[in-house]
PDB file of N, CA and C in Angstrom:
ATOM      1  N   GLU A   1     110.829  68.620  87.981  1.00  0.00           N
ATOM      2  CA  GLU A   1     111.505  69.933  88.207  1.00  0.00           C
ATOM      3  C   GLU A   1     113.047  69.562  88.186  1.00  0.00           C
ATOM      4  N   ASN A   2     113.812  69.767  87.194  1.00  0.00           N
ATOM      5  CA  ASN A   2     115.261  69.593  87.205  1.00  0.00           C
ATOM      6  C   ASN A   2     115.896  70.990  87.351  1.00  0.00           C
ATOM      7  N   LEU A   3     116.653  71.261  88.325  1.00  0.00           N
ATOM      8  CA  LEU A   3     117.483  72.438  88.702  1.00  0.00           C
ATOM      9  C   LEU A   3     118.914  72.120  88.479  1.00  0.00           C
ATOM     10  N   ASP A   4     119.618  72.895  87.790  1.00  0.00           N
ATOM     11  CA  ASP A   4     121.035  72.778  87.720  1.00  0.00           C
ATOM     12  C   ASP A   4     121.536  73.146  89.158  1.00  0.00           C
ATOM     13  N   SER A   5     122.923  72.773  89.343  1.00  0.00           N
ATOM     14  CA  SER A   5     123.549  73.099  90.804  1.00  0.00           C
ATOM     15  C   SER A   5     123.512  74.492  91.164  1.00  0.00           C
ATOM     16  N   ASN A   6     123.848  75.363  90.150  1.00  0.00           N
ATOM     17  CA  ASN A   6     123.839  76.758  90.353  1.00  0.00           C
ATOM     18  C   ASN A   6     122.483  77.237  90.992  1.00  0.00           C
ATOM     19  N   LYS A   7     121.341  76.976  90.365  1.00  0.00           N
ATOM     20  CA  LYS A   7     120.018  77.329  90.661  1.00  0.00           C
ATOM     21  C   LYS A   7     119.568  76.661  91.941  1.00  0.00           C
ATOM     22  N   ARG A   8     120.018  75.419  92.300  1.00  0.00           N
ATOM     23  CA  ARG A   8     119.885  74.851  93.535  1.00  0.00           C
ATOM     24  C   ARG A   8     120.547  75.585  94.624  1.00  0.00           C
ATOM     25  N   ARG A   9     121.797  75.907  94.294  1.00  0.00           N
ATOM     26  CA  ARG A   9     122.647  76.735  95.385  1.00  0.00           C
ATOM     27  C   ARG A   9     121.939  78.080  95.617  1.00  0.00           C
ATOM     28  N   LYS A  10     121.366  78.622  94.715  1.00  0.00           N
ATOM     29  CA  LYS A  10     120.635  80.084  94.880  1.00  0.00           C
ATOM     30  C   LYS A  10     119.495  79.892  95.736  1.00  0.00           C
ATOM     31  N   ILE A  11     118.711  78.734  95.348  1.00  0.00           N
ATOM     32  CA  ILE A  11     117.521  78.826  96.098  1.00  0.00           C
ATOM     33  C   ILE A  11     117.886  78.413  97.729  1.00  0.00           C
ATOM     34  N   LEU A  12     118.769  77.593  97.887  1.00  0.00           N
ATOM     35  CA  LEU A  12     119.150  77.156  99.252  1.00  0.00           C
ATOM     36  C   LEU A  12     119.590  78.331  99.997  1.00  0.00           C
ATOM     37  N   ASN A  13     120.466  79.213  99.337  1.00  0.00           N
ATOM     38  CA  ASN A  13     120.990  80.320  99.984  1.00  0.00           C
ATOM     39  C   ASN A  13     119.990  81.353 100.443  1.00  0.00           C
ATOM     40  N   LEU A  14     118.878  81.410  99.394  1.00  0.00           N
ATOM     41  CA  LEU A  14     117.670  82.306  99.726  1.00  0.00           C
ATOM     42  C   LEU A  14     116.785  81.724 100.877  1.00  0.00           C
ATOM     43  N   LEU A  15     116.765  80.352 101.150  1.00  0.00           N
ATOM     44  CA  LEU A  15     116.179  79.669 102.170  1.00  0.00           C
ATOM     45  C   LEU A  15     116.975  80.237 103.528  1.00  0.00           C
ATOM     46  N   GLY A  16     118.122  80.009 103.410  1.00  0.00           N
ATOM     47  CA  GLY A  16     119.033  80.596 104.520  1.00  0.00           C
ATOM     48  C   GLY A  16     118.738  81.882 104.947  1.00  0.00           C
ATOM     49  N   LEU A  17     118.640  82.964 103.983  1.00  0.00           N
ATOM     50  CA  LEU A  17     118.315  84.279 104.189  1.00  0.00           C
ATOM     51  C   LEU A  17     116.976  84.518 104.584  1.00  0.00           C
ATOM     52  N   ALA A  18     116.005  83.657 104.102  1.00  0.00           N
ATOM     53  CA  ALA A  18     114.714  83.912 104.749  1.00  0.00           C
ATOM     54  C   ALA A  18     114.549  83.454 106.127  1.00  0.00           C
ATOM     55  N   GLN A  19     115.373  82.351 106.439  1.00  0.00           N
ATOM     56  CA  GLN A  19     115.234  81.923 107.791  1.00  0.00           C
ATOM     57  C   GLN A  19     115.697  82.980 108.743  1.00  0.00           C
ATOM     58  N   ARG A  20     116.800  83.655 108.427  1.00  0.00           N
ATOM     59  CA  ARG A  20     117.543  84.492 109.320  1.00  0.00           C
ATOM     60  C   ARG A  20     116.632  85.828 109.323  1.00  0.00           C
ATOM     61  N   ALA A  21     115.881  86.270 108.219  1.00  0.00           N
ATOM     62  CA  ALA A  21     115.009  87.201 108.296  1.00  0.00           C
ATOM     63  C   ALA A  21     113.552  86.881 108.952  1.00  0.00           C
ATOM     64  N   GLY A  22     113.458  85.590 109.458  1.00  0.00           N
ATOM     65  CA  GLY A  22     112.147  85.306 109.982  1.00  0.00           C
ATOM     66  C   GLY A  22     111.060  85.181 109.016  1.00  0.00           C
ATOM     67  N   ARG A  23     111.309  84.806 108.022  1.00  0.00           N
ATOM     68  CA  ARG A  23     110.255  84.641 106.812  1.00  0.00           C
ATOM     69  C   ARG A  23     109.950  83.296 106.419  1.00  0.00           C
ATOM     70  N   LEU A  24     110.296  82.230 107.357  1.00  0.00           N
ATOM     71  CA  LEU A  24     110.118  80.739 107.081  1.00  0.00           C
ATOM     72  C   LEU A  24     109.347  80.200 108.213  1.00  0.00           C
ATOM     73  N   THR A  25     108.619  79.416 108.053  1.00  0.00           N
ATOM     74  CA  THR A  25     108.049  78.397 109.191  1.00  0.00           C
ATOM     75  C   THR A  25     108.497  76.954 108.663  1.00  0.00           C
ATOM     76  N   SER A  26     109.001  76.347 109.747  1.00  0.00           N
ATOM     77  CA  SER A  26     109.395  75.051 109.436  1.00  0.00           C
ATOM     78  C   SER A  26     109.093  74.150 110.267  1.00  0.00           C
ATOM     79  N   GLY A  27     108.943  72.794 110.173  1.00  0.00           N
ATOM     80  CA  GLY A  27     108.684  71.838 111.016  1.00  0.00           C
ATOM     81  C   GLY A  27     107.137  71.407 110.515  1.00  0.00           C
ATOM     82  N   GLU A  28     106.972  70.268 110.506  1.00  0.00           N
ATOM     83  CA  GLU A  28     105.725  69.587 109.933  1.00  0.00           C
ATOM     84  C   GLU A  28     104.360  70.176 110.279  1.00  0.00           C
ATOM     85  N   ASP A  29     104.206  70.255 111.681  1.00  0.00           N
ATOM     86  CA  ASP A  29     102.870  70.765 112.122  1.00  0.00           C
ATOM     87  C   ASP A  29     102.667  72.279 111.920  1.00  0.00           C
ATOM     88  N   LEU A  30     103.789  72.995 111.983  1.00  0.00           N
ATOM     89  CA  LEU A  30     103.743  74.522 111.793  1.00  0.00           C
ATOM     90  C   LEU A  30     103.639  74.763 110.328  1.00  0.00           C
ATOM     91  N   VAL A  31     104.061  73.958 109.395  1.00  0.00           N
ATOM     92  CA  VAL A  31     103.996  74.203 108.036  1.00  0.00           C
ATOM     93  C   VAL A  31     102.398  73.774 107.556  1.00  0.00           C
ATOM     94  N   VAL A  32     102.045  72.784 108.123  1.00  0.00           N
ATOM     95  CA  VAL A  32     100.742  72.485 107.736  1.00  0.00           C
ATOM     96  C   VAL A  32      99.566  73.703 108.215  1.00  0.00           C
ATOM     97  N   GLU A  33     100.012  74.201 109.449  1.00  0.00           N
ATOM     98  CA  GLU A  33      99.160  75.323 110.044  1.00  0.00           C
ATOM     99  C   GLU A  33      99.258  76.514 109.208  1.00  0.00           C
ATOM    100  N   ALA A  34     100.665  76.857 108.717  1.00  0.00           N
ATOM    101  CA  ALA A  34     100.726  77.959 107.794  1.00  0.00           C
ATOM    102  C   ALA A  34      99.996  77.775 106.601  1.00  0.00           C
ATOM    103  N   ILE A  35      99.937  76.781 106.185  1.00  0.00           N
ATOM    104  CA  ILE A  35      99.159  76.448 104.868  1.00  0.00           C
ATOM    105  C   ILE A  35      97.656  76.731 105.174  1.00  0.00           C
ATOM    106  N   GLN A  36      97.347  76.168 106.059  1.00  0.00           N
ATOM    107  CA  GLN A  36      95.728  76.329 106.578  1.00  0.00           C
ATOM    108  C   GLN A  36      95.417  77.928 106.717  1.00  0.00           C
ATOM    109  N   LYS A  37      96.165  78.537 107.381  1.00  0.00           N
ATOM    110  CA  LYS A  37      96.092  79.939 107.654  1.00  0.00           C
ATOM    111  C   LYS A  37      96.280  81.127 106.421  1.00  0.00           C
ATOM    112  N   GLY A  38      96.743  80.274 105.406  1.00  0.00           N
ATOM    113  CA  GLY A  38      96.851  81.125 104.111  1.00  0.00           C
ATOM    114  C   GLY A  38      98.338  81.954 104.149  1.00  0.00           C
ATOM    115  N   GLN A  39      99.193  81.524 105.276  1.00  0.00           N
ATOM    116  CA  GLN A  39     100.397  82.149 105.351  1.00  0.00           C
ATOM    117  C   GLN A  39     101.442  81.643 104.476  1.00  0.00           C
ATOM    118  N   ALA A  40     101.372  80.518 104.137  1.00  0.00           N
ATOM    119  CA  ALA A  40     102.307  79.838 103.235  1.00  0.00           C
ATOM    120  C   ALA A  40     102.429  80.278 101.641  1.00  0.00           C
ATOM    121  N   LYS A  41     103.375  80.738 101.150  1.00  0.00           N
ATOM    122  CA  LYS A  41     103.301  81.207  99.930  1.00  0.00           C
ATOM    123  C   LYS A  41     103.991  80.180  98.884  1.00  0.00           C
ATOM    124  N   LEU A  42     104.845  79.293  99.420  1.00  0.00           N
ATOM    125  CA  LEU A  42     105.757  78.259  98.791  1.00  0.00           C
ATOM    126  C   LEU A  42     106.046  77.258  99.803  1.00  0.00           C
ATOM    127  N   VAL A  43     105.693  76.053  99.480  1.00  0.00           N
ATOM    128  CA  VAL A  43     106.361  75.095 100.512  1.00  0.00           C
ATOM    129  C   VAL A  43     107.485  74.116  99.696  1.00  0.00           C
ATOM    130  N   PHE A  44     108.537  73.946 100.624  1.00  0.00           N
ATOM    131  CA  PHE A  44     109.587  72.961 100.349  1.00  0.00           C
ATOM    132  C   PHE A  44     109.348  71.881 101.039  1.00  0.00           C
ATOM    133  N   LEU A  45     109.404  70.589 100.310  1.00  0.00           N
ATOM    134  CA  LEU A  45     109.165  69.337 101.163  1.00  0.00           C
ATOM    135  C   LEU A  45     110.291  68.428 100.748  1.00  0.00           C
ATOM    136  N   ALA A  46     110.978  67.629 101.666  1.00  0.00           N
ATOM    137  CA  ALA A  46     112.038  66.980 101.334  1.00  0.00           C
ATOM    138  C   ALA A  46     111.635  65.865 100.435  1.00  0.00           C
ATOM    139  N   ASN A  47     112.461  65.516  99.466  1.00  0.00           N
ATOM    140  CA  ASN A  47     112.233  64.409  98.579  1.00  0.00           C
ATOM    141  C   ASN A  47     112.324  63.074  99.029  1.00  0.00           C
ATOM    142  N   ASP A  48     112.889  63.085 100.446  1.00  0.00           N
ATOM    143  CA  ASP A  48     112.889  61.772 100.906  1.00  0.00           C
ATOM    144  C   ASP A  48     112.229  61.705 102.530  1.00  0.00           C
ATOM    145  N   ALA A  49     111.299  62.623 102.366  1.00  0.00           N
ATOM    146  CA  ALA A  49     110.452  62.636 103.563  1.00  0.00           C
ATOM    147  C   ALA A  49     109.500  61.344 103.625  1.00  0.00           C
ATOM    148  N   ALA A  50     109.200  60.836 104.741  1.00  0.00           N
ATOM    149  CA  ALA A  50     108.322  59.807 104.928  1.00  0.00           C
ATOM    150  C   ALA A  50     106.925  59.787 104.085  1.00  0.00           C
ATOM    151  N   GLY A  51     106.427  58.753 103.561  1.00  0.00           N
ATOM    152  CA  GLY A  51     105.094  58.800 102.831  1.00  0.00           C
ATOM    153  C   GLY A  51     104.015  59.543 103.507  1.00  0.00           C
ATOM    154  N   ASN A  52     103.774  59.392 104.870  1.00  0.00           N
ATOM    155  CA  ASN A  52     102.745  60.046 105.581  1.00  0.00           C
ATOM    156  C   ASN A  52     102.899  61.475 105.768  1.00  0.00           C
ATOM    157  N   LEU A  53     104.258  61.929 105.950  1.00  0.00           N
ATOM    158  CA  LEU A  53     104.441  63.423 105.903  1.00  0.00           C
ATOM    159  C   LEU A  53     104.183  63.942 104.486  1.00  0.00           C
ATOM    160  N   SER A  54     104.708  63.468 103.469  1.00  0.00           N
ATOM    161  CA  SER A  54     104.599  63.797 101.997  1.00  0.00           C
ATOM    162  C   SER A  54     103.273  63.975 101.852  1.00  0.00           C
ATOM    163  N   LYS A  55     102.376  63.029 102.127  1.00  0.00           N
ATOM    164  CA  LYS A  55     100.948  63.061 101.855  1.00  0.00           C
ATOM    165  C   LYS A  55     100.261  64.258 102.617  1.00  0.00           C
ATOM    166  N   LYS A  56     100.529  64.348 103.769  1.00  0.00           N
ATOM    167  CA  LYS A  56      99.769  65.234 104.701  1.00  0.00           C
ATOM    168  C   LYS A  56     100.063  66.848 104.082  1.00  0.00           C
ATOM    169  N   VAL A  57     101.519  67.057 103.808  1.00  0.00           N
ATOM    170  CA  VAL A  57     101.838  68.296 103.258  1.00  0.00           C
ATOM    171  C   VAL A  57     101.339  68.553 101.961  1.00  0.00           C
ATOM    172  N   THR A  58     101.467  67.506 101.232  1.00  0.00           N
ATOM    173  CA  THR A  58     101.061  67.449  99.694  1.00  0.00           C
ATOM    174  C   THR A  58      99.382  67.911  99.483  1.00  0.00           C
ATOM    175  N   ASP A  59      98.751  67.065 100.416  1.00  0.00           N
ATOM    176  CA  ASP A  59      97.202  67.098 100.282  1.00  0.00           C
ATOM    177  C   ASP A  59      96.860  68.521 100.833  1.00  0.00           C
ATOM    178  N   LYS A  60      97.439  68.899 101.923  1.00  0.00           N
ATOM    179  CA  LYS A  60      97.037  70.324 102.379  1.00  0.00           C
ATOM    180  C   LYS A  60      97.393  71.382 101.562  1.00  0.00           C
ATOM    181  N   SER A  61      98.502  71.309 100.792  1.00  0.00           N
ATOM    182  CA  SER A  61      99.135  72.328  99.839  1.00  0.00           C
ATOM    183  C   SER A  61      97.972  72.428  98.691  1.00  0.00           C
ATOM    184  N   HIS A  62      97.466  71.275  98.159  1.00  0.00           N
ATOM    185  CA  HIS A  62      96.600  71.099  96.952  1.00  0.00           C
ATOM    186  C   HIS A  62      95.399  71.801  97.429  1.00  0.00           C
ATOM    187  N   THR A  63      94.867  71.400  98.574  1.00  0.00           N
ATOM    188  CA  THR A  63      93.481  71.956  99.081  1.00  0.00           C
ATOM    189  C   THR A  63      93.733  73.561  98.978  1.00  0.00           C
ATOM    190  N   TYR A  64      94.710  74.095  99.529  1.00  0.00           N
ATOM    191  CA  TYR A  64      94.864  75.548  99.611  1.00  0.00           C
ATOM    192  C   TYR A  64      95.698  76.262  98.519  1.00  0.00           C
ATOM    193  N   GLN A  65      95.816  75.319  97.619  1.00  0.00           N
ATOM    194  CA  GLN A  65      96.511  75.867  96.304  1.00  0.00           C
ATOM    195  C   GLN A  65      97.903  76.491  96.461  1.00  0.00           C
ATOM    196  N   VAL A  66      98.746  75.826  97.261  1.00  0.00           N
ATOM    197  CA  VAL A  66     100.145  76.408  97.505  1.00  0.00           C
ATOM    198  C   VAL A  66     101.047  75.420  96.824  1.00  0.00           C
ATOM    199  N   GLU A  67     102.057  75.977  96.102  1.00  0.00           N
ATOM    200  CA  GLU A  67     102.912  75.255  95.210  1.00  0.00           C
ATOM    201  C   GLU A  67     103.883  74.347  96.243  1.00  0.00           C
ATOM    202  N   VAL A  68     104.079  73.158  95.989  1.00  0.00           N
ATOM    203  CA  VAL A  68     105.118  72.412  96.784  1.00  0.00           C
ATOM    204  C   VAL A  68     106.356  72.050  95.931  1.00  0.00           C
ATOM    205  N   VAL A  69     107.556  72.364  96.354  1.00  0.00           N
ATOM    206  CA  VAL A  69     108.744  72.082  95.634  1.00  0.00           C
ATOM    207  C   VAL A  69     109.486  70.925  96.272  1.00  0.00           C
ATOM    208  N   THR A  70     109.707  69.795  95.557  1.00  0.00           N
ATOM    209  CA  THR A  70     110.261  68.635  95.983  1.00  0.00           C
ATOM    210  C   THR A  70     111.654  68.278  95.599  1.00  0.00           C
ATOM    211  N   VAL A  71     112.314  69.243  95.227  1.00  0.00           N
ATOM    212  CA  VAL A  71     113.652  68.962  94.423  1.00  0.00           C
ATOM    213  C   VAL A  71     114.859  68.712  95.408  1.00  0.00           C
ATOM    214  N   PHE A  72     114.658  69.154  96.829  1.00  0.00           N
ATOM    215  CA  PHE A  72     115.875  68.997  97.846  1.00  0.00           C
ATOM    216  C   PHE A  72     115.704  67.822  98.613  1.00  0.00           C
ATOM    217  N   SER A  73     116.653  67.300  99.067  1.00  0.00           N
ATOM    218  CA  SER A  73     116.684  66.236 100.293  1.00  0.00           C
ATOM    219  C   SER A  73     116.607  66.959 101.513  1.00  0.00           C
ATOM    220  N   THR A  74     116.149  66.188 102.511  1.00  0.00           N
ATOM    221  CA  THR A  74     116.342  66.433 103.892  1.00  0.00           C
ATOM    222  C   THR A  74     117.475  67.240 104.305  1.00  0.00           C
ATOM    223  N   LEU A  75     118.710  66.700 103.972  1.00  0.00           N
ATOM    224  CA  LEU A  75     120.009  67.193 104.124  1.00  0.00           C
ATOM    225  C   LEU A  75     120.230  68.468 103.781  1.00  0.00           C
ATOM    226  N   GLU A  76     119.860  68.692 102.429  1.00  0.00           N
ATOM    227  CA  GLU A  76     119.946  70.099 101.790  1.00  0.00           C
ATOM    228  C   GLU A  76     118.968  71.097 102.312  1.00  0.00           C
ATOM    229  N   LEU A  77     117.817  70.842 102.827  1.00  0.00           N
ATOM    230  CA  LEU A  77     116.932  71.756 103.339  1.00  0.00           C
ATOM    231  C   LEU A  77     117.305  72.053 104.883  1.00  0.00           C
ATOM    232  N   SER A  78     117.852  71.070 105.456  1.00  0.00           N
ATOM    233  CA  SER A  78     118.339  71.367 106.635  1.00  0.00           C
ATOM    234  C   SER A  78     119.651  72.003 106.976  1.00  0.00           C
ATOM    235  N   ALA A  79     120.412  71.782 106.026  1.00  0.00           N
ATOM    236  CA  ALA A  79     121.788  72.561 105.851  1.00  0.00           C
ATOM    237  C   ALA A  79     121.370  74.044 105.728  1.00  0.00           C
ATOM    238  N   ALA A  80     120.411  74.208 104.950  1.00  0.00           N
ATOM    239  CA  ALA A  80     120.038  75.665 104.501  1.00  0.00           C
ATOM    240  C   ALA A  80     119.570  76.438 105.477  1.00  0.00           C
ATOM    241  N   VAL A  81     118.699  75.856 106.421  1.00  0.00           N
ATOM    242  CA  VAL A  81     118.015  76.439 107.492  1.00  0.00           C
ATOM    243  C   VAL A  81     118.825  76.418 108.843  1.00  0.00           C
ATOM    244  N   GLY A  82     119.802  75.543 108.883  1.00  0.00           N
ATOM    245  CA  GLY A  82     120.450  75.370 110.057  1.00  0.00           C
ATOM    246  C   GLY A  82     119.861  74.399 111.204  1.00  0.00           C
ATOM    247  N   LYS A  83     118.833  73.834 110.889  1.00  0.00           N
ATOM    248  CA  LYS A  83     118.203  72.804 111.770  1.00  0.00           C
ATOM    249  C   LYS A  83     117.429  71.554 110.796  1.00  0.00           C
ATOM    250  N   ALA A  84     117.379  70.362 111.584  1.00  0.00           N
ATOM    251  CA  ALA A  84     116.867  69.522 111.013  1.00  0.00           C
ATOM    252  C   ALA A  84     115.393  69.575 110.455  1.00  0.00           C
ATOM    253  N   ARG A  85     115.100  69.671 109.035  1.00  0.00           N
ATOM    254  CA  ARG A  85     113.763  69.868 108.679  1.00  0.00           C
ATOM    255  C   ARG A  85     113.534  69.237 107.442  1.00  0.00           C
ATOM    256  N   LYS A  86     112.260  68.743 107.200  1.00  0.00           N
ATOM    257  CA  LYS A  86     111.713  67.961 106.090  1.00  0.00           C
ATOM    258  C   LYS A  86     110.694  68.715 105.321  1.00  0.00           C
ATOM    259  N   ALA A  87     110.157  69.968 106.174  1.00  0.00           N
ATOM    260  CA  ALA A  87     109.188  70.593 105.579  1.00  0.00           C
ATOM    261  C   ALA A  87     109.526  72.187 105.918  1.00  0.00           C
ATOM    262  N   ILE A  88     109.235  73.049 104.930  1.00  0.00           N
ATOM    263  CA  ILE A  88     109.582  74.382 105.047  1.00  0.00           C
ATOM    264  C   ILE A  88     108.508  75.194 104.406  1.00  0.00           C
ATOM    265  N   ALA A  89     107.946  76.163 104.953  1.00  0.00           N
ATOM    266  CA  ALA A  89     106.928  77.102 104.302  1.00  0.00           C
ATOM    267  C   ALA A  89     107.487  78.503 104.216  1.00  0.00           C
ATOM    268  N   VAL A  90     107.556  79.059 102.803  1.00  0.00           N
ATOM    269  CA  VAL A  90     108.071  80.325 102.979  1.00  0.00           C
ATOM    270  C   VAL A  90     106.927  81.374 102.993  1.00  0.00           C
ATOM    271  N   THR A  91     106.936  82.385 104.039  1.00  0.00           N
ATOM    272  CA  THR A  91     105.930  83.013 104.397  1.00  0.00           C
ATOM    273  C   THR A  91     105.932  84.440 103.842  1.00  0.00           C
ATOM    274  N   ASP A  92     106.843  84.653 102.995  1.00  0.00           N
ATOM    275  CA  ASP A  92     107.192  86.111 102.514  1.00  0.00           C
ATOM    276  C   ASP A  92     107.012  86.075 100.957  1.00  0.00           C
ATOM    277  N   ALA A  93     106.388  87.135 100.434  1.00  0.00           N
ATOM    278  CA  ALA A  93     105.958  87.208  99.065  1.00  0.00           C
ATOM    279  C   ALA A  93     107.233  87.318  98.078  1.00  0.00           C
ATOM    280  N   GLY A  94     108.042  88.365  98.662  1.00  0.00           N
ATOM    281  CA  GLY A  94     109.437  88.715  98.154  1.00  0.00           C
ATOM    282  C   GLY A  94     110.259  87.623  97.892  1.00  0.00           C
ATOM    283  N   PHE A  95     110.436  86.836  98.920  1.00  0.00           N
ATOM    284  CA  PHE A  95     111.319  85.655  98.902  1.00  0.00           C
ATOM    285  C   PHE A  95     110.727  84.599  97.853  1.00  0.00           C
ATOM    286  N   THR A  96     109.438  84.459  98.041  1.00  0.00           N
ATOM    287  CA  THR A  96     108.706  83.410  97.111  1.00  0.00           C
ATOM    288  C   THR A  96     109.014  83.874  95.700  1.00  0.00           C
ATOM    289  N   LYS A  97     108.667  85.254  95.225  1.00  0.00           N
ATOM    290  CA  LYS A  97     108.880  85.615  94.017  1.00  0.00           C
ATOM    291  C   LYS A  97     110.370  85.322  93.344  1.00  0.00           C
ATOM    292  N   LYS A  98     111.273  85.645  94.172  1.00  0.00           N
ATOM    293  CA  LYS A  98     112.707  85.347  93.953  1.00  0.00           C
ATOM    294  C   LYS A  98     112.984  84.032  93.671  1.00  0.00           C
ATOM    295  N   MET A  99     112.561  82.958  94.476  1.00  0.00           N
ATOM    296  CA  MET A  99     112.778  81.682  94.306  1.00  0.00           C
ATOM    297  C   MET A  99     111.960  81.211  93.181  1.00  0.00           C
ATOM    298  N   ARG A 100     110.755  81.556  92.847  1.00  0.00           N
ATOM    299  CA  ARG A 100     110.076  81.245  91.633  1.00  0.00           C
ATOM    300  C   ARG A 100     110.771  81.608  90.333  1.00  0.00           C
ATOM    301  N   SER A 101     111.317  82.807  90.371  1.00  0.00           N
ATOM    302  CA  SER A 101     112.055  83.300  89.140  1.00  0.00           C
ATOM    303  C   SER A 101     113.337  82.495  88.895  1.00  0.00           C
ATOM    304  N   ILE A 102     114.013  82.099  89.885  1.00  0.00           N
ATOM    305  CA  ILE A 102     115.049  80.938  89.714  1.00  0.00           C
ATOM    306  C   ILE A 102     114.703  79.731  89.208  1.00  0.00           C
ATOM    307  N   MET A 103     113.538  79.425  89.515  1.00  0.00           N
ATOM    308  CA  MET A 103     112.968  78.059  89.223  1.00  0.00           C
ATOM    309  C   MET A 103     112.477  77.879  87.765  1.00  0.00           C
ATOM    310  N   GLU A 104     112.127  79.006  87.400  1.00  0.00           N
ATOM    311  CA  GLU A 104     111.359  78.974  85.889  1.00  0.00           C
ATOM    312  C   GLU A 104     112.356  78.628  84.828  1.00  0.00           C
TER     313      GLU A 104
END
């Protein structure tokens, strides 16, 4: 998935909005839990996350058929939501739809 800088910025901005709107779950364990509960509509995983974290989140997402986006680094995701994060789940259909349309 190659996104130009404009699209990247739009998605990171949306992540920030979703965070403020309370439509995100972040942090390794909470994201895995959200996937299992069917709350996660879209998962962002840092492309520099450690192997075990990547595997855990990716495996769970595949099992529950949730799309995983790995175009951003830990730094980018963390800056977007205002706290150090390697895994983020979007739990809102509206935000997910907007993000997907940007990535198409």
